[in-house]
Structures are given as C-alpha cells and as structure tokens.
C-alpha cells in the first residue's frame, strides 16, 4: 500500500474522491435509465373515493359473529338463526361509520358454515369483515 507524502515528509491526510465521484456517476446513469421505465404504460382514469364520515365521530365497536363447530351462530354471544342474522346485518349496514363484523369460528367448524355467514354479511352491504384467530401456539 502506497502512501503519498507532503513537503514536510509526513503522510498526507486528504481523501481521494475520484472513486466516490465514479460511483456517483454510475448511480446517476442507472437512475436516469430506470426512471422512465417506472411509468405505467396503460393510462387509467381512477375514480375518486368519497368518505362519508363525520369529523370527530368515534368508530363504532365491532360486532362479533361466532360460529361453533355444530353450525350454531352467535351475535355478540347471543344465539341467532340465519334469518335473524340476516336482519341484524341489514340493520347495521346503513350506519355511518359502519361497524366491522368480526367472524370467530371453532377450529373444527366446516368452512361452508363460515362461508354462509360471510356471504350473508356481504349481501347485506357490510364492507369490513374480519376473521378472529388465536395467536400462534395458543388455543381457544
């Protein structure tokens, strides 16, 4: 490794910036080439979203719909049948802001029972449907 020295015989403490400038120029050229490629080729006129929420209005608490392994359905821990579930979902759909519907199910529940609940919620206009699960390693 070679060291340059100044007039007094000691090592020179200046930094050689030539390699840094070379790297910067290479990066500049790469960005100049890739930036035009990031544009979308197909132009689509996107719709504007309208949020119907009153300012400073607290969010509504979520509604929990539980489905047991035998197919029985519970609305916030109260047993309901399919027609009562349909009417309850229809009653909360027009509320603003609309509450989220959380679906809880036993791990042994057939998916068709869960699908019926989700399909009923969607057909009544519920926009936010979530699934509740236990953290990994914990049952119940």
Protein backbone atom coordinates (compact mmCIF):
# COMPACT_ATOMS: atom_id res chain seq x y z
CA UNK A 1 0.00 0.00 0.00
CA UNK A 2 1.49 3.31 -1.01
CA UNK A 3 1.19 6.50 0.98
CA UNK A 4 1.69 9.89 -0.52
CA UNK A 5 3.56 12.46 1.45
CA UNK A 6 3.59 16.22 1.60
CA UNK A 7 6.61 18.56 1.62
CA UNK A 8 7.33 18.06 5.31
CA UNK A 9 7.79 14.31 4.88
CA UNK A 10 4.68 13.20 6.85
CA UNK A 11 1.75 11.27 5.40
CA UNK A 12 -0.89 13.26 3.56
CA UNK A 13 -4.34 13.26 5.21
CA UNK A 14 -6.56 14.13 2.23
CA UNK A 15 -9.18 11.78 0.82
CA UNK A 16 -9.09 10.72 -2.81
CA UNK A 17 -12.64 11.48 -4.02
CA UNK A 18 -12.21 10.16 -7.56
CA UNK A 19 -13.65 6.69 -6.80
CA UNK A 20 -16.58 8.29 -4.98
CA UNK A 21 -17.34 10.51 -7.97
CA UNK A 22 -17.14 7.47 -10.27
CA UNK A 23 -19.67 5.56 -8.17
CA UNK A 24 -21.96 8.60 -8.03
CA UNK A 25 -21.89 9.00 -11.81
CA UNK A 26 -22.64 5.29 -12.35
CA UNK A 27 -25.62 5.53 -9.97
CA UNK A 28 -26.82 8.67 -11.74
CA UNK A 29 -26.73 6.90 -15.11
CA UNK A 30 -28.58 3.86 -13.69
CA UNK A 31 -31.33 6.07 -12.25
CA UNK A 32 -31.60 8.05 -15.49
CA UNK A 33 -32.16 4.80 -17.40
CA UNK A 34 -34.60 3.13 -14.98
CA UNK A 35 -36.80 6.14 -14.14
CA UNK A 36 -38.66 6.27 -17.48
CA UNK A 37 -39.40 2.54 -17.17
CA UNK A 38 -41.38 3.08 -13.95
CA UNK A 39 -44.24 4.86 -15.73
CA UNK A 40 -47.44 2.92 -16.34
CA UNK A 41 -47.99 2.11 -19.97
CA UNK A 42 -51.78 1.90 -19.70
CA UNK A 43 -53.38 5.11 -18.51
CA UNK A 44 -56.49 4.56 -16.40
CA UNK A 45 -58.70 7.31 -15.06
CA UNK A 46 -59.25 6.27 -11.45
CA UNK A 47 -62.49 7.11 -9.61
CA UNK A 48 -62.49 9.47 -6.66
CA UNK A 49 -63.32 7.95 -3.29
CA UNK A 50 -65.84 9.68 -1.05
CA UNK A 51 -65.67 9.12 2.67
CA UNK A 52 -68.97 9.66 4.46
CA UNK A 53 -67.63 10.14 7.95
CA UNK A 54 -68.48 12.95 10.29
CA UNK A 55 -65.42 14.62 11.80
CA UNK A 56 -64.58 13.68 15.39
CA UNK A 57 -67.03 10.80 15.36
CA UNK A 58 -65.66 7.81 17.28
CA UNK A 59 -65.64 4.47 15.45
CA UNK A 60 -68.39 2.04 16.33
CA UNK A 61 -67.40 -1.06 18.29
CA UNK A 62 -67.10 -4.18 16.14
CA UNK A 63 -69.83 -6.79 16.01
CA UNK A 64 -68.70 -10.34 16.75
CA UNK A 65 -70.39 -13.21 14.93
CA UNK A 66 -69.30 -16.57 16.33
CA UNK A 67 -69.80 -19.87 14.52
CA UNK A 68 -69.48 -23.07 16.52
CA UNK A 69 -68.45 -26.45 15.13
CA UNK A 70 -72.06 -27.66 15.09
CA UNK A 71 -73.07 -24.70 12.87
CA UNK A 72 -74.78 -22.62 15.57
CA UNK A 73 -74.36 -18.85 15.16
CA UNK A 74 -73.98 -16.23 17.91
CA UNK A 75 -74.34 -12.44 17.58
CA UNK A 76 -72.22 -10.83 20.32
CA UNK A 77 -72.65 -14.02 22.45
CA UNK A 78 -76.42 -14.21 21.85
CA UNK A 79 -77.66 -17.21 19.83
CA UNK A 80 -79.31 -16.32 16.50
CA UNK A 81 -80.56 -18.26 13.49
CA UNK A 82 -79.76 -17.47 9.85
CA UNK A 83 -82.83 -15.23 9.29
CA UNK A 84 -82.21 -13.21 12.47
CA UNK A 85 -78.54 -12.84 11.48
CA UNK A 86 -79.67 -11.56 8.09
CA UNK A 87 -81.95 -8.94 9.64
CA UNK A 88 -79.32 -7.81 12.20
CA UNK A 89 -76.71 -7.40 9.47
CA UNK A 90 -79.21 -5.46 7.36
CA UNK A 91 -79.87 -3.14 10.32
CA UNK A 92 -76.19 -2.23 10.85
CA UNK A 93 -75.26 -1.90 7.16
CA UNK A 94 -76.62 1.66 6.67
CA UNK A 95 -74.94 3.01 9.84
CA UNK A 96 -72.18 5.58 9.34
CA UNK A 97 -69.47 4.74 10.17
CA UNK A 98 -70.31 1.12 9.58
CA UNK A 99 -69.12 -1.22 12.34
CA UNK A 100 -66.72 -4.00 11.45
CA UNK A 101 -68.05 -7.56 11.59
CA UNK A 102 -65.57 -9.96 13.21
CA UNK A 103 -66.16 -13.62 12.44
CA UNK A 104 -64.95 -16.10 15.07
CA UNK A 105 -65.15 -19.82 14.45
CA UNK A 106 -64.08 -23.03 16.15
CA UNK A 107 -61.10 -24.66 14.51
CA UNK A 108 -63.31 -27.68 13.72
CA UNK A 109 -66.06 -25.62 12.05
CA UNK A 110 -66.80 -26.56 8.44
CA UNK A 111 -65.87 -23.79 6.06
CA UNK A 112 -69.32 -23.89 4.48
CA UNK A 113 -70.83 -22.57 7.75
CA UNK A 114 -68.33 -19.71 7.85
CA UNK A 115 -68.88 -19.00 4.16
CA UNK A 116 -72.65 -18.67 4.73
CA UNK A 117 -72.06 -16.03 7.41
CA UNK A 118 -69.58 -14.09 5.25
CA UNK A 119 -71.84 -14.31 2.19
CA UNK A 120 -74.82 -13.07 4.25
CA UNK A 121 -72.76 -10.12 5.51
CA UNK A 122 -71.59 -9.25 2.00
CA UNK A 123 -75.09 -9.49 0.54
CA UNK A 124 -76.36 -7.05 3.19
CA UNK A 125 -73.68 -4.48 2.30
CA UNK A 126 -71.18 -4.97 5.11
CA UNK A 127 -67.86 -3.55 3.92
CA UNK A 128 -65.49 -4.59 6.71
CA UNK A 129 -65.42 -8.29 7.55
CA UNK A 130 -62.57 -9.66 9.63
CA UNK A 131 -61.60 -13.06 10.96
CA UNK A 132 -60.51 -13.56 14.55
CA UNK A 133 -57.81 -16.13 15.33
CA UNK A 134 -55.81 -17.03 18.40
CA UNK A 135 -52.12 -16.12 18.45
CA UNK A 136 -49.78 -18.89 17.28
CA UNK A 137 -49.34 -21.54 19.94
CA UNK A 138 -52.47 -20.62 21.92
CA UNK A 139 -55.78 -22.36 21.51
CA UNK A 140 -59.28 -21.28 22.35
